[in-house]
PDB file of N, CA and C in Angstrom:
ATOM      1  N   MET A   1     192.243  16.225 179.107  1.00  0.00           N
ATOM      2  CA  MET A   1     191.412  16.488 180.263  1.00  0.00           C
ATOM      3  C   MET A   1     191.963  15.808 181.502  1.00  0.00           C
ATOM      4  N   THR A   2     193.138  15.322 181.493  1.00  0.00           N
ATOM      5  CA  THR A   2     193.653  14.609 182.655  1.00  0.00           C
ATOM      6  C   THR A   2     194.015  15.574 183.783  1.00  0.00           C
ATOM      7  N   LYS A   3     194.169  16.876 183.494  1.00  0.00           N
ATOM      8  CA  LYS A   3     194.505  17.838 184.534  1.00  0.00           C
ATOM      9  C   LYS A   3     193.230  18.433 185.091  1.00  0.00           C
ATOM     10  N   LEU A   4     193.093  18.379 186.400  1.00  0.00           N
ATOM     11  CA  LEU A   4     191.877  18.844 187.091  1.00  0.00           C
ATOM     12  C   LEU A   4     192.168  20.053 187.968  1.00  0.00           C
ATOM     13  N   TYR A   5     191.222  20.983 187.989  1.00  0.00           N
ATOM     14  CA  TYR A   5     191.244  22.116 188.916  1.00  0.00           C
ATOM     15  C   TYR A   5     190.510  21.680 190.168  1.00  0.00           C
ATOM     16  N   VAL A   6     191.082  21.943 191.328  1.00  0.00           N
ATOM     17  CA  VAL A   6     190.432  21.599 192.600  1.00  0.00           C
ATOM     18  C   VAL A   6     190.370  22.887 193.400  1.00  0.00           C
ATOM     19  N   GLY A   7     189.149  23.399 193.614  1.00  0.00           N
ATOM     20  CA  GLY A   7     188.993  24.685 194.284  1.00  0.00           C
ATOM     21  C   GLY A   7     188.253  24.600 195.608  1.00  0.00           C
ATOM     22  N   ASN A   8     188.288  25.698 196.327  1.00  0.00           N
ATOM     23  CA  ASN A   8     187.655  25.868 197.632  1.00  0.00           C
ATOM     24  C   ASN A   8     188.245  24.922 198.673  1.00  0.00           C
ATOM     25  N   LEU A   9     189.568  24.699 198.562  1.00  0.00           N
ATOM     26  CA  LEU A   9     190.259  23.833 199.504  1.00  0.00           C
ATOM     27  C   LEU A   9     190.504  24.550 200.835  1.00  0.00           C
ATOM     28  N   SER A  10     190.580  23.784 201.875  1.00  0.00           N
ATOM     29  CA  SER A  10     191.015  24.320 203.175  1.00  0.00           C
ATOM     30  C   SER A  10     192.434  24.802 203.007  1.00  0.00           C
ATOM     31  N   TYR A  11     192.795  25.883 203.690  1.00  0.00           N
ATOM     32  CA  TYR A  11     194.141  26.430 203.594  1.00  0.00           C
ATOM     33  C   TYR A  11     195.180  25.509 204.214  1.00  0.00           C
ATOM     34  N   SER A  12     194.713  24.514 204.985  1.00  0.00           N
ATOM     35  CA  SER A  12     195.645  23.558 205.615  1.00  0.00           C
ATOM     36  C   SER A  12     195.799  22.284 204.801  1.00  0.00           C
ATOM     37  N   GLU A  13     195.111  22.193 203.660  1.00  0.00           N
ATOM     38  CA  GLU A  13     195.193  20.990 202.819  1.00  0.00           C
ATOM     39  C   GLU A  13     196.606  20.792 202.305  1.00  0.00           C
ATOM     40  N   SER A  14     197.063  19.531 202.264  1.00  0.00           N
ATOM     41  CA  SER A  14     198.408  19.250 201.762  1.00  0.00           C
ATOM     42  C   SER A  14     198.349  18.528 200.417  1.00  0.00           C
ATOM     43  N   GLU A  15     199.438  18.615 199.693  1.00  0.00           N
ATOM     44  CA  GLU A  15     199.528  17.915 198.404  1.00  0.00           C
ATOM     45  C   GLU A  15     199.447  16.400 198.628  1.00  0.00           C
ATOM     46  N   GLN A  16     200.032  15.933 199.715  1.00  0.00           N
ATOM     47  CA  GLN A  16     200.008  14.489 200.037  1.00  0.00           C
ATOM     48  C   GLN A  16     198.565  14.007 200.260  1.00  0.00           C
ATOM     49  N   SER A  17     197.776  14.784 201.026  1.00  0.00           N
ATOM     50  CA  SER A  17     196.412  14.362 201.292  1.00  0.00           C
ATOM     51  C   SER A  17     195.539  14.386 200.031  1.00  0.00           C
ATOM     52  N   LEU A  18     195.789  15.365 199.147  1.00  0.00           N
ATOM     53  CA  LEU A  18     195.061  15.396 197.884  1.00  0.00           C
ATOM     54  C   LEU A  18     195.446  14.217 197.012  1.00  0.00           C
ATOM     55  N   SER A  19     196.699  13.857 196.989  1.00  0.00           N
ATOM     56  CA  SER A  19     197.166  12.723 196.214  1.00  0.00           C
ATOM     57  C   SER A  19     196.502  11.435 196.683  1.00  0.00           C
ATOM     58  N   GLU A  20     196.408  11.267 197.988  1.00  0.00           N
ATOM     59  CA  GLU A  20     195.739  10.089 198.543  1.00  0.00           C
ATOM     60  C   GLU A  20     194.253  10.084 198.204  1.00  0.00           C
ATOM     61  N   MET A  21     193.620  11.234 198.318  1.00  0.00           N
ATOM     62  CA  MET A  21     192.186  11.351 198.027  1.00  0.00           C
ATOM     63  C   MET A  21     191.893  10.981 196.573  1.00  0.00           C
ATOM     64  N   PHE A  22     192.614  11.601 195.630  1.00  0.00           N
ATOM     65  CA  PHE A  22     192.365  11.336 194.200  1.00  0.00           C
ATOM     66  C   PHE A  22     192.886   9.959 193.797  1.00  0.00           C
ATOM     67  N   GLY A  23     193.775   9.379 194.549  1.00  0.00           N
ATOM     68  CA  GLY A  23     194.260   8.030 194.284  1.00  0.00           C
ATOM     69  C   GLY A  23     193.161   6.992 194.325  1.00  0.00           C
ATOM     70  N   ASP A  24     192.051   7.312 195.009  1.00  0.00           N
ATOM     71  CA  ASP A  24     190.890   6.405 195.018  1.00  0.00           C
ATOM     72  C   ASP A  24     190.282   6.221 193.641  1.00  0.00           C
ATOM     73  N   CYS A  25     190.575   7.155 192.739  1.00  0.00           N
ATOM     74  CA  CYS A  25     189.980   7.138 191.387  1.00  0.00           C
ATOM     75  C   CYS A  25     190.950   6.678 190.318  1.00  0.00           C
ATOM     76  N   GLY A  26     192.194   6.423 190.681  1.00  0.00           N
ATOM     77  CA  GLY A  26     193.182   5.979 189.695  1.00  0.00           C
ATOM     78  C   GLY A  26     194.566   6.453 190.044  1.00  0.00           C
ATOM     79  N   SER A  27     195.423   6.478 189.047  1.00  0.00           N
ATOM     80  CA  SER A  27     196.817   6.843 189.230  1.00  0.00           C
ATOM     81  C   SER A  27     196.986   8.350 189.133  1.00  0.00           C
ATOM     82  N   VAL A  28     197.522   8.950 190.199  1.00  0.00           N
ATOM     83  CA  VAL A  28     197.754  10.379 190.246  1.00  0.00           C
ATOM     84  C   VAL A  28     199.156  10.662 189.728  1.00  0.00           C
ATOM     85  N   GLU A  29     199.236  11.466 188.683  1.00  0.00           N
ATOM     86  CA  GLU A  29     200.531  11.827 188.086  1.00  0.00           C
ATOM     87  C   GLU A  29     201.227  12.954 188.849  1.00  0.00           C
ATOM     88  N   SER A  30     200.444  13.975 189.223  1.00  0.00           N
ATOM     89  CA  SER A  30     201.030  15.109 189.954  1.00  0.00           C
ATOM     90  C   SER A  30     199.947  15.851 190.721  1.00  0.00           C
ATOM     91  N   VAL A  31     200.384  16.547 191.775  1.00  0.00           N
ATOM     92  CA  VAL A  31     199.504  17.385 192.577  1.00  0.00           C
ATOM     93  C   VAL A  31     200.242  18.666 192.867  1.00  0.00           C
ATOM     94  N   LYS A  32     199.555  19.796 192.694  1.00  0.00           N
ATOM     95  CA  LYS A  32     200.185  21.091 192.993  1.00  0.00           C
ATOM     96  C   LYS A  32     199.154  22.013 193.629  1.00  0.00           C
ATOM     97  N   ILE A  33     199.398  22.379 194.891  1.00  0.00           N
ATOM     98  CA  ILE A  33     198.569  23.375 195.548  1.00  0.00           C
ATOM     99  C   ILE A  33     199.254  24.721 195.304  1.00  0.00           C
ATOM    100  N   ILE A  34     198.488  25.711 194.876  1.00  0.00           N
ATOM    101  CA  ILE A  34     199.040  27.024 194.535  1.00  0.00           C
ATOM    102  C   ILE A  34     199.219  27.835 195.812  1.00  0.00           C
ATOM    103  N   MET A  35     200.439  28.367 195.955  1.00  0.00           N
ATOM    104  CA  MET A  35     200.788  29.111 197.164  1.00  0.00           C
ATOM    105  C   MET A  35     200.967  30.605 196.831  1.00  0.00           C
ATOM    106  N   ASP A  36     200.612  31.446 197.781  1.00  0.00           N
ATOM    107  CA  ASP A  36     200.827  32.886 197.666  1.00  0.00           C
ATOM    108  C   ASP A  36     202.336  33.168 197.753  1.00  0.00           C
ATOM    109  N   GLN A  37     202.865  33.920 196.806  1.00  0.00           N
ATOM    110  CA  GLN A  37     204.287  34.194 196.770  1.00  0.00           C
ATOM    111  C   GLN A  37     204.749  35.043 197.957  1.00  0.00           C
ATOM    112  N   ASP A  38     203.903  35.933 198.411  1.00  0.00           N
ATOM    113  CA  ASP A  38     204.286  36.831 199.513  1.00  0.00           C
ATOM    114  C   ASP A  38     204.234  36.159 200.880  1.00  0.00           C
ATOM    115  N   THR A  39     203.178  35.378 201.107  1.00  0.00           N
ATOM    116  CA  THR A  39     202.978  34.799 202.450  1.00  0.00           C
ATOM    117  C   THR A  39     203.426  33.364 202.547  1.00  0.00           C
ATOM    118  N   GLY A  40     203.526  32.673 201.421  1.00  0.00           N
ATOM    119  CA  GLY A  40     203.881  31.267 201.434  1.00  0.00           C
ATOM    120  C   GLY A  40     202.736  30.351 201.851  1.00  0.00           C
ATOM    121  N   LYS A  41     201.529  30.936 201.991  1.00  0.00           N
ATOM    122  CA  LYS A  41     200.349  30.153 202.384  1.00  0.00           C
ATOM    123  C   LYS A  41     199.528  29.765 201.160  1.00  0.00           C
ATOM    124  N   SER A  42     198.737  28.702 201.319  1.00  0.00           N
ATOM    125  CA  SER A  42     197.879  28.212 200.260  1.00  0.00           C
ATOM    126  C   SER A  42     196.900  29.271 199.819  1.00  0.00           C
ATOM    127  N   LYS A  43     196.611  29.289 198.517  1.00  0.00           N
ATOM    128  CA  LYS A  43     195.560  30.168 197.990  1.00  0.00           C
ATOM    129  C   LYS A  43     194.210  29.479 197.978  1.00  0.00           C
ATOM    130  N   GLY A  44     194.148  28.223 198.414  1.00  0.00           N
ATOM    131  CA  GLY A  44     192.864  27.514 198.502  1.00  0.00           C
ATOM    132  C   GLY A  44     192.459  26.795 197.239  1.00  0.00           C
ATOM    133  N   PHE A  45     193.401  26.639 196.311  1.00  0.00           N
ATOM    134  CA  PHE A  45     193.109  25.832 195.103  1.00  0.00           C
ATOM    135  C   PHE A  45     194.370  25.185 194.611  1.00  0.00           C
ATOM    136  N   GLY A  46     194.174  24.208 193.719  1.00  0.00           N
ATOM    137  CA  GLY A  46     195.328  23.515 193.172  1.00  0.00           C
ATOM    138  C   GLY A  46     194.935  22.707 191.968  1.00  0.00           C
ATOM    139  N   PHE A  47     195.858  21.871 191.520  1.00  0.00           N
ATOM    140  CA  PHE A  47     195.677  21.055 190.315  1.00  0.00           C
ATOM    141  C   PHE A  47     196.116  19.638 190.599  1.00  0.00           C
ATOM    142  N   VAL A  48     195.346  18.690 190.060  1.00  0.00           N
ATOM    143  CA  VAL A  48     195.683  17.274 190.171  1.00  0.00           C
ATOM    144  C   VAL A  48     195.671  16.715 188.751  1.00  0.00           C
ATOM    145  N   GLU A  49     196.729  15.991 188.400  1.00  0.00           N
ATOM    146  CA  GLU A  49     196.778  15.376 187.078  1.00  0.00           C
ATOM    147  C   GLU A  49     196.639  13.898 187.220  1.00  0.00           C
ATOM    148  N   MET A  50     195.655  13.337 186.539  1.00  0.00           N
ATOM    149  CA  MET A  50     195.400  11.894 186.552  1.00  0.00           C
ATOM    150  C   MET A  50     196.036  11.264 185.308  1.00  0.00           C
ATOM    151  N   SER A  51     196.206   9.955 185.353  1.00  0.00           N
ATOM    152  CA  SER A  51     196.853   9.247 184.239  1.00  0.00           C
ATOM    153  C   SER A  51     196.003   9.179 182.975  1.00  0.00           C
ATOM    154  N   THR A  52     194.687   9.037 183.121  1.00  0.00           N
ATOM    155  CA  THR A  52     193.836   8.906 181.931  1.00  0.00           C
ATOM    156  C   THR A  52     192.612   9.800 182.058  1.00  0.00           C
ATOM    157  N   ASP A  53     191.957  10.034 180.914  1.00  0.00           N
ATOM    158  CA  ASP A  53     190.718  10.812 180.918  1.00  0.00           C
ATOM    159  C   ASP A  53     189.634  10.131 181.743  1.00  0.00           C
ATOM    160  N   GLU A  54     189.593   8.801 181.660  1.00  0.00           N
ATOM    161  CA  GLU A  54     188.570   8.065 182.426  1.00  0.00           C
ATOM    162  C   GLU A  54     188.761   8.258 183.918  1.00  0.00           C
ATOM    163  N   GLU A  55     189.989   8.235 184.377  1.00  0.00           N
ATOM    164  CA  GLU A  55     190.270   8.458 185.801  1.00  0.00           C
ATOM    165  C   GLU A  55     189.912   9.891 186.207  1.00  0.00           C
ATOM    166  N   ALA A  56     190.192  10.830 185.330  1.00  0.00           N
ATOM    167  CA  ALA A  56     189.852  12.228 185.599  1.00  0.00           C
ATOM    168  C   ALA A  56     188.353  12.410 185.708  1.00  0.00           C
ATOM    169  N   LYS A  57     187.609  11.801 184.791  1.00  0.00           N
ATOM    170  CA  LYS A  57     186.140  11.889 184.839  1.00  0.00           C
ATOM    171  C   LYS A  57     185.592  11.235 186.094  1.00  0.00           C
ATOM    172  N   ALA A  58     186.181  10.113 186.484  1.00  0.00           N
ATOM    173  CA  ALA A  58     185.763   9.430 187.733  1.00  0.00           C
ATOM    174  C   ALA A  58     186.003  10.310 188.944  1.00  0.00           C
ATOM    175  N   ALA A  59     187.131  11.016 188.965  1.00  0.00           N
ATOM    176  CA  ALA A  59     187.451  11.894 190.072  1.00  0.00           C
ATOM    177  C   ALA A  59     186.477  13.065 190.154  1.00  0.00           C
ATOM    178  N   ILE A  60     186.143  13.632 189.007  1.00  0.00           N
ATOM    179  CA  ILE A  60     185.158  14.723 189.000  1.00  0.00           C
ATOM    180  C   ILE A  60     183.824  14.216 189.542  1.00  0.00           C
ATOM    181  N   SER A  61     183.364  13.068 189.064  1.00  0.00           N
ATOM    182  CA  SER A  61     182.092  12.502 189.513  1.00  0.00           C
ATOM    183  C   SER A  61     182.098  12.231 191.009  1.00  0.00           C
ATOM    184  N   LYS A  62     183.215  11.713 191.495  1.00  0.00           N
ATOM    185  CA  LYS A  62     183.283  11.306 192.906  1.00  0.00           C
ATOM    186  C   LYS A  62     183.439  12.510 193.846  1.00  0.00           C
ATOM    187  N   TRP A  63     184.266  13.500 193.489  1.00  0.00           N
ATOM    188  CA  TRP A  63     184.665  14.525 194.440  1.00  0.00           C
ATOM    189  C   TRP A  63     184.019  15.901 194.272  1.00  0.00           C
ATOM    190  N   ASP A  64     183.542  16.258 193.077  1.00  0.00           N
ATOM    191  CA  ASP A  64     182.977  17.591 192.875  1.00  0.00           C
ATOM    192  C   ASP A  64     181.747  17.778 193.759  1.00  0.00           C
ATOM    193  N   GLY A  65     181.777  18.860 194.568  1.00  0.00           N
ATOM    194  CA  GLY A  65     180.647  19.168 195.429  1.00  0.00           C
ATOM    195  C   GLY A  65     180.673  18.492 196.785  1.00  0.00           C
ATOM    196  N   THR A  66     181.645  17.638 197.019  1.00  0.00           N
ATOM    197  CA  THR A  66     181.717  16.958 198.311  1.00  0.00           C
ATOM    198  C   THR A  66     182.345  17.874 199.363  1.00  0.00           C
ATOM    199  N   GLU A  67     182.063  17.558 200.625  1.00  0.00           N
ATOM    200  CA  GLU A  67     182.607  18.359 201.698  1.00  0.00           C
ATOM    201  C   GLU A  67     183.928  17.769 202.187  1.00  0.00           C
ATOM    202  N   ARG A  68     184.886  18.672 202.361  1.00  0.00           N
ATOM    203  CA  ARG A  68     186.206  18.287 202.848  1.00  0.00           C
ATOM    204  C   ARG A  68     186.704  19.391 203.769  1.00  0.00           C
ATOM    205  N   SER A  69     187.002  19.046 204.987  1.00  0.00           N
ATOM    206  CA  SER A  69     187.451  20.013 205.994  1.00  0.00           C
ATOM    207  C   SER A  69     186.464  21.151 206.139  1.00  0.00           C
ATOM    208  N   GLY A  70     185.170  20.819 206.077  1.00  0.00           N
ATOM    209  CA  GLY A  70     184.116  21.812 206.254  1.00  0.00           C
ATOM    210  C   GLY A  70     183.857  22.711 205.067  1.00  0.00           C
ATOM    211  N   ARG A  71     184.451  22.386 203.919  1.00  0.00           N
ATOM    212  CA  ARG A  71     184.248  23.191 202.720  1.00  0.00           C
ATOM    213  C   ARG A  71     183.751  22.306 201.575  1.00  0.00           C
ATOM    214  N   SER A  72     182.879  22.843 200.748  1.00  0.00           N
ATOM    215  CA  SER A  72     182.382  22.150 199.563  1.00  0.00           C
ATOM    216  C   SER A  72     183.384  22.383 198.438  1.00  0.00           C
ATOM    217  N   ILE A  73     184.122  21.329 198.078  1.00  0.00           N
ATOM    218  CA  ILE A  73     185.172  21.523 197.076  1.00  0.00           C
ATOM    219  C   ILE A  73     184.618  21.457 195.659  1.00  0.00           C
ATOM    220  N   LYS A  74     185.318  22.109 194.784  1.00  0.00           N
ATOM    221  CA  LYS A  74     184.972  22.171 193.362  1.00  0.00           C
ATOM    222  C   LYS A  74     186.029  21.412 192.587  1.00  0.00           C
ATOM    223  N   VAL A  75     185.616  20.469 191.770  1.00  0.00           N
ATOM    224  CA  VAL A  75     186.559  19.696 190.942  1.00  0.00           C
ATOM    225  C   VAL A  75     186.027  19.697 189.502  1.00  0.00           C
ATOM    226  N   ASN A  76     186.858  20.205 188.576  1.00  0.00           N
ATOM    227  CA  ASN A  76     186.488  20.154 187.162  1.00  0.00           C
ATOM    228  C   ASN A  76     187.731  20.125 186.299  1.00  0.00           C
ATOM    229  N   ALA A  77     187.529  19.961 185.009  1.00  0.00           N
ATOM    230  CA  ALA A  77     188.659  19.943 184.073  1.00  0.00           C
ATOM    231  C   ALA A  77     189.353  21.290 184.109  1.00  0.00           C
ATOM    232  N   ALA A  78     190.667  21.288 184.200  1.00  0.00           N
ATOM    233  CA  ALA A  78     191.431  22.521 184.240  1.00  0.00           C
ATOM    234  C   ALA A  78     191.425  23.171 182.854  1.00  0.00           C
ATOM    235  N   LYS A  79     191.269  24.463 182.827  1.00  0.00           N
ATOM    236  CA  LYS A  79     191.311  25.209 181.567  1.00  0.00           C
ATOM    237  C   LYS A  79     192.756  25.574 181.284  1.00  0.00           C
ATOM    238  N   PRO A  80     193.101  25.696 179.998  1.00  0.00           N
ATOM    239  CA  PRO A  80     194.465  26.138 179.682  1.00  0.00           C
ATOM    240  C   PRO A  80     194.749  27.493 180.280  1.00  0.00           C
ATOM    241  N   ARG A  81     195.954  27.686 180.713  1.00  0.00           N
ATOM    242  CA  ARG A  81     196.351  28.958 181.317  1.00  0.00           C
ATOM    243  C   ARG A  81     196.321  30.059 180.267  1.00  0.00           C
ATOM    244  N   GLU A  82     195.648  31.140 180.618  1.00  0.00           N
ATOM    245  CA  GLU A  82     195.557  32.279 179.683  1.00  0.00           C
ATOM    246  C   GLU A  82     196.826  33.121 179.783  1.00  0.00           C
ATOM    247  N   LYS A  83     197.233  33.613 178.642  1.00  0.00           N
ATOM    248  CA  LYS A  83     198.406  34.506 178.610  1.00  0.00           C
ATOM    249  C   LYS A  83     197.997  35.843 179.198  1.00  0.00           C
ATOM    250  N   ARG A  84     198.750  36.310 180.181  1.00  0.00           N
ATOM    251  CA  ARG A  84     198.418  37.574 180.819  1.00  0.00           C
ATOM    252  C   ARG A  84     199.329  38.661 180.270  1.00  0.00           C
ATOM    253  N   GLU A  85     198.731  39.837 180.095  1.00  0.00           N
ATOM    254  CA  GLU A  85     199.504  40.976 179.602  1.00  0.00           C
ATOM    255  C   GLU A  85     199.651  41.978 180.745  1.00  0.00           C
ATOM    256  N   GLY A  86     200.567  42.885 180.549  1.00  0.00           N
ATOM    257  CA  GLY A  86     200.759  43.917 181.556  1.00  0.00           C
ATOM    258  C   GLY A  86     202.056  43.688 182.285  1.00  0.00           C
ATOM    259  N   GLY A  87     202.144  44.283 183.449  1.00  0.00           N
ATOM    260  CA  GLY A  87     203.369  44.148 184.215  1.00  0.00           C
ATOM    261  C   GLY A  87     204.371  45.214 183.854  1.00  0.00           C
ATOM    262  N   TYR A  88     205.590  44.952 184.156  1.00  0.00           N
ATOM    263  CA  TYR A  88     206.635  45.934 183.946  1.00  0.00           C
ATOM    264  C   TYR A  88     207.386  45.607 182.663  1.00  0.00           C
ATOM    265  N   SER A  89     206.993  46.282 181.586  1.00  0.00           N
ATOM    266  CA  SER A  89     207.596  45.955 180.316  1.00  0.00           C
ATOM    267  C   SER A  89     208.626  46.985 179.881  1.00  0.00           C
ATOM    268  N   GLN A  90     208.659  48.141 180.514  1.00  0.00           N
ATOM    269  CA  GLN A  90     209.633  49.152 180.103  1.00  0.00           C
ATOM    270  C   GLN A  90     210.514  49.548 181.283  1.00  0.00           C
ATOM    271  N   GLY A  91     211.791  49.516 181.076  1.00  0.00           N
ATOM    272  CA  GLY A  91     212.712  50.003 182.053  1.00  0.00           C
ATOM    273  C   GLY A  91     212.742  49.231 183.358  1.00  0.00           C
ATOM    274  N   GLY A  92     212.369  47.964 183.306  1.00  0.00           N
ATOM    275  CA  GLY A  92     212.419  47.165 184.525  1.00  0.00           C
ATOM    276  C   GLY A  92     211.433  47.644 185.576  1.00  0.00           C
ATOM    277  N   GLY A  93     210.380  48.317 185.183  1.00  0.00           N
ATOM    278  CA  GLY A  93     209.372  48.753 186.123  1.00  0.00           C
ATOM    279  C   GLY A  93     209.563  50.168 186.634  1.00  0.00           C
ATOM    280  N   ARG A  94     210.549  50.847 186.161  1.00  0.00           N
ATOM    281  CA  ARG A  94     210.799  52.228 186.588  1.00  0.00           C
ATOM    282  C   ARG A  94     209.871  53.175 185.814  1.00  0.00           C
ATOM    283  N   GLY A  95     209.391  54.157 186.489  1.00  0.00           N
ATOM    284  CA  GLY A  95     208.561  55.187 185.833  1.00  0.00           C
ATOM    285  C   GLY A  95     209.450  56.153 185.042  1.00  0.00           C
ATOM    286  N   ARG A  96     208.856  56.870 184.163  1.00  0.00           N
ATOM    287  CA  ARG A  96     209.593  57.879 183.403  1.00  0.00           C
ATOM    288  C   ARG A  96     209.581  59.195 184.161  1.00  0.00           C
ATOM    289  N   TYR A  97     210.691  59.899 184.121  1.00  0.00           N
ATOM    290  CA  TYR A  97     210.786  61.179 184.815  1.00  0.00           C
ATOM    291  C   TYR A  97     210.916  62.312 183.869  1.00  0.00           C
TER     292      TYR A  97
END
């Protein structure tokens, strides 16, 4: 449970500022704000990994539902990434003629 989902972030939020924010609750292992591949802009959510479960729980208690940059942020335990199906599996994405 050391990996946390952080949602409803301001699009101007930086990984550095999130690291400093969550550092109040313990040792931050990593921070990743998810960016749109096409625009290069933030998608408004990211992930923070804390060193221990206790630090992660403290961060959830302290930050979930608080206001940051005019937005009520959501902080909870990150769920495992689901395997996605679909996409271009035949012929590199070319249709059949």
